[in-house]
N, C-alpha and C. Protein backbone atom coordinates (compact mmCIF):
# COMPACT_ATOMS: atom_id res chain seq x y z
N UNK A 1 1.03 -1.29 -0.07
CA UNK A 1 -0.02 0.01 -0.08
C UNK A 1 0.86 1.17 -0.09
N UNK A 2 1.87 1.11 0.67
CA UNK A 2 2.99 2.37 0.64
C UNK A 2 3.40 2.74 -0.42
N UNK A 3 3.76 1.55 -1.37
CA UNK A 3 4.41 1.68 -2.58
C UNK A 3 3.30 2.31 -3.58
N UNK A 4 2.04 2.00 -3.31
CA UNK A 4 0.90 2.49 -4.29
C UNK A 4 0.96 4.00 -3.84
N UNK A 5 0.81 4.37 -2.66
CA UNK A 5 0.69 5.78 -2.26
C UNK A 5 2.00 6.62 -2.97
N UNK A 6 3.19 6.01 -2.69
CA UNK A 6 4.19 6.96 -3.21
C UNK A 6 4.12 6.89 -4.89
N UNK A 7 3.95 6.03 -5.41
CA UNK A 7 3.84 6.05 -6.98
C UNK A 7 2.90 6.92 -7.30
N UNK A 8 1.77 6.94 -6.78
CA UNK A 8 0.44 8.19 -7.11
C UNK A 8 1.22 9.55 -6.63
N UNK A 9 1.79 9.62 -5.46
CA UNK A 9 2.20 11.03 -5.24
C UNK A 9 3.16 11.41 -6.19
N UNK A 10 4.39 10.71 -6.64
CA UNK A 10 5.20 10.86 -7.68
C UNK A 10 4.44 11.27 -8.81
N UNK A 11 3.67 10.49 -9.32
CA UNK A 11 2.97 10.81 -10.38
C UNK A 11 2.22 12.06 -10.42
N UNK A 12 1.57 12.14 -9.36
CA UNK A 12 0.89 13.62 -9.16
C UNK A 12 1.88 14.72 -9.25
N UNK A 13 2.94 14.62 -8.39
CA UNK A 13 3.99 15.60 -8.51
C UNK A 13 4.56 15.92 -9.92
N UNK A 14 4.77 15.10 -10.78
CA UNK A 14 5.19 14.97 -12.09
C UNK A 14 4.10 15.63 -12.93
N UNK A 15 3.04 15.19 -12.85
CA UNK A 15 1.72 15.85 -13.58
C UNK A 15 1.76 17.50 -13.54
N UNK A 16 2.10 17.94 -12.08
CA UNK A 16 1.98 19.51 -11.77
C UNK A 16 3.31 20.12 -12.07
N UNK A 17 4.22 19.43 -12.34
CA UNK A 17 5.37 20.07 -12.98
C UNK A 17 5.11 21.06 -14.22
N UNK A 18 5.58 22.33 -14.25
CA UNK A 18 5.34 22.95 -15.46
C UNK A 18 6.25 22.22 -16.73
N UNK A 19 5.97 22.45 -18.00
CA UNK A 19 6.57 21.81 -19.12
C UNK A 19 7.59 22.90 -19.42
N UNK A 20 8.87 22.81 -19.24
CA UNK A 20 10.10 23.68 -19.53
C UNK A 20 10.00 23.78 -21.06
N UNK A 21 9.60 22.71 -21.77
CA UNK A 21 9.80 22.96 -23.20
C UNK A 21 8.66 23.44 -23.95
N UNK A 22 7.49 23.62 -23.19
CA UNK A 22 6.41 24.29 -23.58
C UNK A 22 6.78 25.54 -24.83
N UNK A 23 7.58 26.40 -24.64
CA UNK A 23 7.81 27.32 -25.51
C UNK A 23 8.19 26.89 -26.94
N UNK A 24 8.63 25.79 -27.00
CA UNK A 24 9.14 25.22 -28.25
C UNK A 24 8.26 24.19 -28.82
N UNK A 25 7.16 23.79 -28.24
CA UNK A 25 6.28 22.91 -28.65
C UNK A 25 5.63 23.14 -30.16
N UNK A 26 5.75 24.66 -30.36
CA UNK A 26 5.08 25.00 -31.83
C UNK A 26 5.81 24.48 -33.02
N UNK A 27 7.04 24.10 -32.78
CA UNK A 27 8.08 23.45 -33.78
C UNK A 27 7.60 22.04 -34.01
N UNK A 28 6.98 21.41 -33.12
CA UNK A 28 6.76 19.97 -33.07
C UNK A 28 6.04 19.64 -34.51
N UNK A 29 6.61 18.49 -34.98
CA UNK A 29 6.06 17.96 -36.27
C UNK A 29 7.14 18.13 -37.35
N UNK A 30 6.82 17.84 -38.51
CA UNK A 30 7.41 17.52 -39.70
C UNK A 30 7.59 18.67 -40.71
N UNK A 31 8.47 19.39 -41.10
CA UNK A 31 8.64 20.73 -41.81
C UNK A 31 9.26 20.28 -43.19
N UNK A 32 8.90 21.02 -44.30
CA UNK A 32 9.62 21.07 -45.51
C UNK A 32 9.77 22.29 -45.96
N UNK A 33 10.83 22.90 -46.76
CA UNK A 33 11.17 23.88 -47.20
C UNK A 33 12.26 24.06 -48.34
N UNK A 34 12.45 25.53 -48.64
CA UNK A 34 13.60 25.82 -49.61
C UNK A 34 14.00 26.99 -49.18
N UNK A 35 15.50 27.10 -49.52
CA UNK A 35 15.95 28.33 -48.95
C UNK A 35 17.28 28.44 -49.74
N UNK A 36 18.06 29.34 -49.55
CA UNK A 36 19.47 29.38 -49.94
C UNK A 36 20.41 30.53 -49.25
N UNK A 37 21.49 30.60 -49.71
CA UNK A 37 22.57 31.32 -48.96
C UNK A 37 23.85 31.19 -49.61
N UNK A 38 25.07 31.01 -48.92
CA UNK A 38 26.50 31.08 -49.32
C UNK A 38 26.47 29.79 -50.05
N UNK A 39 25.70 28.59 -49.69
CA UNK A 39 25.87 27.35 -50.35
C UNK A 39 25.34 27.22 -51.46
N UNK A 40 24.28 28.08 -51.68
CA UNK A 40 23.34 28.30 -53.06
C UNK A 40 21.94 27.88 -52.54
N UNK A 41 21.04 27.66 -53.51
CA UNK A 41 19.82 27.25 -53.52
C UNK A 41 19.66 25.93 -53.09
N UNK A 42 19.02 25.51 -52.15
CA UNK A 42 18.80 24.18 -52.02
C UNK A 42 17.38 23.77 -51.39
N UNK A 43 17.26 22.83 -50.98
CA UNK A 43 16.07 22.13 -50.36
C UNK A 43 16.39 21.27 -49.28
N UNK A 44 15.33 20.95 -48.50
CA UNK A 44 15.49 20.41 -47.03
C UNK A 44 14.24 20.17 -46.27
N UNK A 45 14.50 19.47 -45.30
CA UNK A 45 13.20 19.30 -44.37
C UNK A 45 13.85 18.99 -42.89
N UNK A 46 13.15 19.05 -41.97
CA UNK A 46 13.34 18.78 -40.44
C UNK A 46 12.19 18.43 -39.82
N UNK A 47 12.47 17.82 -38.76
CA UNK A 47 11.18 17.30 -37.86
C UNK A 47 11.88 17.64 -36.34
N UNK A 48 10.66 17.92 -35.48
CA UNK A 48 11.08 18.27 -34.01
C UNK A 48 10.25 17.01 -33.59
N UNK A 49 10.55 16.31 -32.77
CA UNK A 49 10.01 15.21 -32.08
C UNK A 49 10.24 15.20 -30.55
N UNK A 50 9.13 15.09 -29.83
CA UNK A 50 9.29 14.84 -28.35
C UNK A 50 9.77 13.50 -28.13
N UNK A 51 10.81 13.49 -27.16
CA UNK A 51 11.36 12.05 -26.85
C UNK A 51 11.38 12.05 -25.08
N UNK A 52 11.70 11.02 -24.58
CA UNK A 52 11.88 10.67 -23.17
C UNK A 52 10.88 11.04 -22.23
N UNK A 53 9.50 10.85 -22.46
CA UNK A 53 8.32 11.44 -21.91
C UNK A 53 8.21 13.01 -21.94
N UNK A 54 8.74 13.55 -22.92
CA UNK A 54 8.57 15.13 -23.20
C UNK A 54 9.72 15.71 -22.67
N UNK A 55 10.55 15.25 -22.36
CA UNK A 55 11.81 15.88 -21.42
C UNK A 55 12.63 16.52 -22.33
N UNK A 56 12.90 15.89 -23.86
CA UNK A 56 13.65 16.22 -24.82
C UNK A 56 12.98 16.30 -25.99
N UNK A 57 13.26 17.23 -26.71
CA UNK A 57 12.90 17.50 -28.11
C UNK A 57 14.19 17.28 -29.27
N UNK A 58 14.00 16.33 -30.17
CA UNK A 58 15.00 15.99 -30.76
C UNK A 58 14.46 16.54 -32.27
N UNK A 59 15.73 17.40 -32.72
CA UNK A 59 15.61 17.76 -34.25
C UNK A 59 16.37 17.01 -35.10
N UNK A 60 15.73 16.55 -36.22
CA UNK A 60 16.42 15.79 -37.17
C UNK A 60 16.36 16.80 -38.67
N UNK A 61 17.26 16.86 -39.21
CA UNK A 61 17.55 18.10 -40.19
C UNK A 61 18.26 17.41 -41.52
N UNK A 62 17.89 17.73 -42.84
CA UNK A 62 18.79 17.52 -43.99
C UNK A 62 18.32 18.69 -44.96
N UNK A 63 19.55 19.11 -45.59
CA UNK A 63 19.16 19.94 -46.69
C UNK A 63 20.33 19.45 -47.97
N UNK A 64 20.06 19.66 -49.09
CA UNK A 64 20.61 19.26 -50.21
C UNK A 64 20.83 20.42 -51.20
N UNK A 65 22.19 20.41 -51.75
CA UNK A 65 22.47 21.50 -52.75
C UNK A 65 22.88 21.00 -53.81
N UNK A 66 22.46 21.43 -55.06
CA UNK A 66 22.80 21.01 -56.40
C UNK A 66 24.32 21.50 -56.77
N UNK A 67 25.02 20.62 -57.57
CA UNK A 67 26.41 21.08 -58.19
C UNK A 67 26.26 22.62 -58.53
N UNK A 68 27.21 23.55 -58.31
CA UNK A 68 26.92 24.78 -59.20
C UNK A 68 28.25 25.54 -58.69
N UNK A 69 28.87 26.57 -59.63
CA UNK A 69 30.17 27.29 -59.57
C UNK A 69 31.25 26.37 -59.28
N UNK A 70 31.40 25.19 -59.93
CA UNK A 70 32.54 24.44 -59.77
C UNK A 70 32.54 23.71 -58.69
N UNK A 71 31.21 23.70 -57.67
CA UNK A 71 31.31 23.02 -56.48
C UNK A 71 30.59 21.83 -56.90
N UNK A 72 30.66 20.72 -56.20
CA UNK A 72 30.04 19.64 -56.23
C UNK A 72 28.59 19.71 -55.54
N UNK A 73 27.59 18.94 -55.89
CA UNK A 73 26.31 18.84 -55.23
C UNK A 73 26.78 18.09 -53.78
N UNK A 74 26.12 18.55 -52.77
CA UNK A 74 26.40 17.81 -51.39
C UNK A 74 25.06 17.92 -50.48
N UNK A 75 24.86 17.10 -49.78
CA UNK A 75 23.89 17.08 -48.59
C UNK A 75 24.50 17.10 -47.22
N UNK A 76 23.88 17.97 -46.66
CA UNK A 76 24.06 18.24 -45.00
C UNK A 76 22.96 17.50 -44.11
N UNK A 77 23.53 16.88 -43.15
CA UNK A 77 22.43 16.09 -42.06
C UNK A 77 23.03 16.66 -40.74
N UNK A 78 21.90 16.70 -39.70
CA UNK A 78 22.23 17.02 -38.32
C UNK A 78 21.19 16.50 -37.65
N UNK A 79 21.61 16.61 -36.30
CA UNK A 79 20.65 15.96 -35.09
C UNK A 79 20.81 17.07 -34.06
N UNK A 80 20.11 17.40 -33.36
CA UNK A 80 20.08 18.30 -32.14
C UNK A 80 18.93 18.13 -31.26
N UNK A 81 19.56 17.87 -30.05
CA UNK A 81 18.93 17.35 -28.82
C UNK A 81 18.60 18.85 -27.94
N UNK A 82 17.41 19.21 -27.56
CA UNK A 82 16.75 20.31 -26.79
C UNK A 82 16.40 19.93 -25.49
N UNK A 83 16.79 20.52 -24.25
CA UNK A 83 16.34 19.82 -23.00
C UNK A 83 16.38 21.10 -22.15
N UNK A 84 15.86 20.93 -20.89
CA UNK A 84 16.05 21.96 -19.81
C UNK A 84 16.95 21.43 -19.10
N UNK A 85 17.60 22.51 -18.19
CA UNK A 85 18.70 22.00 -17.43
C UNK A 85 19.06 23.31 -16.23
N UNK A 86 18.86 23.12 -15.15
CA UNK A 86 18.90 24.34 -14.36
C UNK A 86 18.24 25.70 -14.61
N UNK A 87 16.86 25.34 -15.06
CA UNK A 87 16.09 26.53 -15.15
C UNK A 87 16.36 27.20 -16.55
N UNK A 88 17.26 26.50 -17.27
CA UNK A 88 17.66 27.40 -18.67
C UNK A 88 17.23 26.16 -19.71
N UNK A 89 16.88 26.64 -20.83
CA UNK A 89 16.95 25.68 -22.12
C UNK A 89 18.00 25.52 -22.82
N UNK A 90 18.74 24.45 -23.02
CA UNK A 90 19.78 24.15 -23.91
C UNK A 90 19.74 23.20 -24.99
N UNK A 91 20.83 23.19 -25.72
CA UNK A 91 20.64 22.14 -26.97
C UNK A 91 22.09 21.66 -27.37
N UNK A 92 22.33 20.60 -27.91
CA UNK A 92 23.52 19.88 -28.47
C UNK A 92 23.15 19.60 -29.82
N UNK A 93 24.10 20.09 -30.74
CA UNK A 93 24.07 19.79 -32.04
C UNK A 93 25.04 19.18 -32.67
N UNK A 94 24.95 18.15 -33.62
CA UNK A 94 25.93 17.53 -34.33
C UNK A 94 25.35 17.40 -35.81
N UNK A 95 26.37 17.40 -36.76
CA UNK A 95 26.20 17.35 -38.02
C UNK A 95 27.37 16.19 -38.80
N UNK A 96 27.08 15.89 -39.94
CA UNK A 96 27.81 14.95 -40.89
C UNK A 96 28.96 15.79 -41.34
N UNK A 97 29.22 16.89 -40.98
CA UNK A 97 30.64 17.62 -41.35
C UNK A 97 31.34 17.72 -40.08
N UNK A 98 31.22 16.89 -39.19
CA UNK A 98 32.02 17.10 -37.89
C UNK A 98 31.77 18.23 -36.94
N UNK A 99 30.72 18.88 -36.96
CA UNK A 99 30.64 20.01 -36.11
C UNK A 99 29.81 19.55 -34.84
N UNK A 100 30.20 19.76 -33.65
CA UNK A 100 29.55 19.76 -32.60
C UNK A 100 29.31 21.15 -31.89
N UNK A 101 28.08 21.91 -31.67
CA UNK A 101 27.83 22.83 -31.30
C UNK A 101 26.79 23.04 -29.96
N UNK A 102 27.14 23.56 -28.93
CA UNK A 102 26.23 23.78 -27.80
C UNK A 102 25.65 24.83 -27.92
N UNK A 103 24.40 25.07 -27.70
CA UNK A 103 23.45 26.20 -27.78
C UNK A 103 22.68 26.63 -26.35
N UNK A 104 22.52 27.80 -26.15
CA UNK A 104 21.63 28.46 -25.21
C UNK A 104 20.43 28.88 -26.20
N UNK A 105 19.38 28.59 -25.35
CA UNK A 105 18.02 28.63 -26.30
C UNK A 105 17.12 29.79 -25.50
N UNK A 106 16.78 30.72 -26.38
CA UNK A 106 15.72 31.85 -25.95
C UNK A 106 14.65 31.57 -26.73
N UNK A 107 13.30 31.61 -26.03
CA UNK A 107 12.15 31.38 -26.80
C UNK A 107 11.20 32.66 -26.38
N UNK A 108 10.64 33.13 -27.65
CA UNK A 108 9.60 34.18 -27.15
C UNK A 108 8.21 33.64 -27.85
N UNK A 109 7.22 34.61 -28.16
CA UNK A 109 5.99 34.39 -28.54
C UNK A 109 5.95 33.92 -30.14
N UNK A 110 6.94 34.21 -30.87
CA UNK A 110 7.02 33.96 -32.26
C UNK A 110 8.40 33.67 -32.73
N UNK A 111 9.35 33.79 -31.87
CA UNK A 111 10.85 33.44 -32.01
C UNK A 111 11.23 32.75 -31.20
N UNK A 112 12.12 31.66 -31.87
CA UNK A 112 13.04 30.49 -30.85
C UNK A 112 14.47 30.89 -31.51
N UNK A 113 15.40 31.04 -30.73
CA UNK A 113 16.75 31.60 -30.91
C UNK A 113 17.59 30.46 -30.24
N UNK A 114 18.62 29.72 -30.92
CA UNK A 114 19.58 28.98 -30.47
C UNK A 114 20.94 29.76 -30.70
N UNK A 115 21.56 29.99 -29.76
CA UNK A 115 22.70 30.91 -29.89
C UNK A 115 24.18 29.83 -29.09
N UNK A 116 25.11 29.73 -29.78
CA UNK A 116 26.26 29.23 -29.07
C UNK A 116 26.99 30.46 -28.15
N UNK A 117 27.67 29.89 -26.95
CA UNK A 117 28.36 30.75 -26.29
C UNK A 117 29.37 31.42 -27.05
N UNK A 118 29.66 32.59 -26.33
CA UNK A 118 30.86 33.25 -27.09
C UNK A 118 32.19 32.68 -26.82
N UNK A 119 33.25 32.48 -27.65
CA UNK A 119 34.43 31.91 -27.30
C UNK A 119 35.71 32.23 -28.13
N UNK A 120 36.85 31.50 -28.37
CA UNK A 120 37.81 31.71 -29.22
C UNK A 120 37.46 31.75 -30.84
N UNK A 121 36.32 30.69 -31.02
CA UNK A 121 36.35 30.51 -32.43
C UNK A 121 35.07 31.10 -32.84
N UNK A 122 34.61 30.78 -33.97
CA UNK A 122 33.24 31.49 -34.46
C UNK A 122 32.08 31.05 -33.46
N UNK A 123 31.02 32.01 -33.63
CA UNK A 123 29.85 31.85 -32.91
C UNK A 123 28.67 31.66 -33.75
N UNK A 124 27.77 30.71 -33.54
CA UNK A 124 26.43 30.45 -34.22
C UNK A 124 25.35 30.80 -33.72
N UNK A 125 24.28 31.22 -34.52
CA UNK A 125 23.03 31.42 -34.21
C UNK A 125 21.84 31.07 -35.13
N UNK A 126 21.13 29.97 -34.56
CA UNK A 126 19.98 29.54 -35.38
C UNK A 126 18.68 29.96 -35.06
N UNK A 127 17.77 30.64 -35.72
CA UNK A 127 16.67 31.39 -35.32
C UNK A 127 15.47 30.79 -36.17
N UNK A 128 14.33 30.51 -35.48
CA UNK A 128 13.13 30.13 -36.13
C UNK A 128 12.14 31.23 -35.68
N UNK A 129 11.65 31.67 -36.79
CA UNK A 129 10.61 32.88 -36.59
C UNK A 129 9.32 32.30 -37.23
N UNK A 130 8.39 32.01 -36.50
CA UNK A 130 6.92 31.63 -36.68
C UNK A 130 6.34 32.84 -37.42
N UNK A 131 5.64 32.46 -38.69
CA UNK A 131 5.34 33.53 -39.61
C UNK A 131 3.63 33.41 -39.55
N UNK A 132 3.38 32.09 -39.30
CA UNK A 132 2.16 31.64 -39.15
C UNK A 132 1.95 30.47 -38.62
N UNK A 133 0.92 29.78 -38.25
CA UNK A 133 0.68 28.53 -37.27
C UNK A 133 1.54 27.42 -38.12
N UNK A 134 1.72 27.46 -39.60
CA UNK A 134 2.00 26.25 -40.10
C UNK A 134 3.25 26.78 -40.89
N UNK A 135 3.69 27.97 -40.69
CA UNK A 135 5.13 28.57 -41.31
C UNK A 135 6.03 29.03 -40.53
N UNK A 136 7.27 28.77 -40.95
CA UNK A 136 8.37 29.29 -40.06
C UNK A 136 9.43 29.74 -41.16
N UNK A 137 10.29 30.87 -40.61
CA UNK A 137 11.28 31.29 -41.30
C UNK A 137 12.51 30.92 -40.62
N UNK A 138 13.40 30.17 -41.01
CA UNK A 138 14.60 29.57 -40.34
C UNK A 138 15.90 30.36 -40.95
N UNK A 139 16.64 30.76 -40.19
CA UNK A 139 18.01 31.61 -40.70
C UNK A 139 19.22 30.92 -39.47
N UNK A 140 20.35 30.51 -40.21
CA UNK A 140 21.46 30.15 -39.55
C UNK A 140 22.59 31.30 -39.93
N UNK A 141 23.08 31.83 -38.96
CA UNK A 141 23.96 33.00 -38.96
C UNK A 141 25.28 32.62 -38.30
N UNK A 142 26.20 33.21 -38.83
CA UNK A 142 27.64 32.94 -38.22
C UNK A 142 28.36 34.46 -37.48
N UNK A 143 29.01 34.28 -36.54
CA UNK A 143 29.70 35.49 -36.23
C UNK A 143 31.27 35.06 -36.38
N UNK A 144 32.16 35.86 -36.90
CA UNK A 144 33.67 35.53 -36.92
C UNK A 144 34.35 35.52 -35.61
N UNK A 145 35.42 34.96 -35.37
CA UNK A 145 36.14 35.04 -34.18
C UNK A 145 36.56 36.37 -33.98
N UNK A 146 36.38 36.81 -32.64
CA UNK A 146 36.80 38.01 -32.40
C UNK A 146 35.78 39.24 -32.49
N UNK A 147 34.55 38.70 -32.95
CA UNK A 147 33.45 39.54 -33.13
C UNK A 147 32.07 38.93 -32.99
N UNK A 148 31.93 38.62 -31.40
CA UNK A 148 30.85 37.51 -31.37
C UNK A 148 29.47 38.04 -31.51
N UNK A 149 29.23 39.22 -31.66
CA UNK A 149 27.95 39.92 -32.08
C UNK A 149 27.79 40.19 -33.49
N UNK A 150 28.83 40.11 -34.36
CA UNK A 150 28.73 40.44 -35.72
C UNK A 150 27.93 39.04 -36.81
N UNK A 151 26.89 38.96 -36.47
CA UNK A 151 26.41 37.71 -36.98
C UNK A 151 25.97 38.03 -38.35
N UNK A 152 26.00 36.84 -39.29
CA UNK A 152 25.99 37.21 -40.75
C UNK A 152 25.28 35.93 -41.13
N UNK A 153 24.18 36.09 -41.68
CA UNK A 153 23.22 35.02 -42.20
C UNK A 153 23.97 34.32 -43.24
N UNK A 154 24.15 32.83 -43.02
CA UNK A 154 24.82 32.01 -44.00
C UNK A 154 23.99 31.40 -44.81
N UNK A 155 22.89 30.97 -44.20
CA UNK A 155 21.66 30.32 -45.03
C UNK A 155 20.48 30.37 -44.34
N UNK A 156 19.35 30.74 -45.08
CA UNK A 156 18.06 30.99 -44.57
C UNK A 156 16.97 30.36 -45.68
N UNK A 157 15.83 30.39 -45.08
CA UNK A 157 14.57 29.91 -45.99
C UNK A 157 13.40 29.76 -45.18
N UNK A 158 12.21 29.55 -45.94
CA UNK A 158 10.89 29.42 -45.40
C UNK A 158 10.46 28.04 -45.26
N UNK A 159 9.82 27.48 -44.40
CA UNK A 159 9.31 26.16 -44.32
C UNK A 159 8.14 26.20 -44.00
N UNK A 160 7.46 25.05 -44.40
CA UNK A 160 5.88 24.95 -44.08
C UNK A 160 5.57 23.52 -43.47
N UNK A 161 4.60 23.47 -42.54
CA UNK A 161 4.44 22.22 -41.89
C UNK A 161 3.80 21.25 -42.86
N UNK A 162 4.53 19.66 -42.68
CA UNK A 162 3.70 18.97 -43.82
C UNK A 162 2.48 18.52 -43.11
């Protein structure tokens, strides 16, 4: 009986805990889009999926760019996990080019921004701006070493929910 009461109490407390990932849930689902930037005009898609009982959001993304300007065609793939830690939203990103990027996450009513901490190397910022319930503008910007706030958009595009 004590186990049942403890189990019920723990379940009740968990149900009453606010969802720290709630500001990001508008991105849940599958998205498809097109965009361009320094790599050229491309196509791609991404998903945000809730995992581990809603404690983690997993983003899987790909983009493909055709051969152009003497550069061969290429495909970019990445995986990012988003989680709450110590009252803050954080993310870890990995891609098929060998990059690993930690992010701090800021979420507002229509904008979610992933920004890497300033350091000796370049700084990265990934921004999702909701333009409608089923539309989002995505921009990936890079700030050069020594200029942590001098972000320049590297690639951007618009996506729609599938």
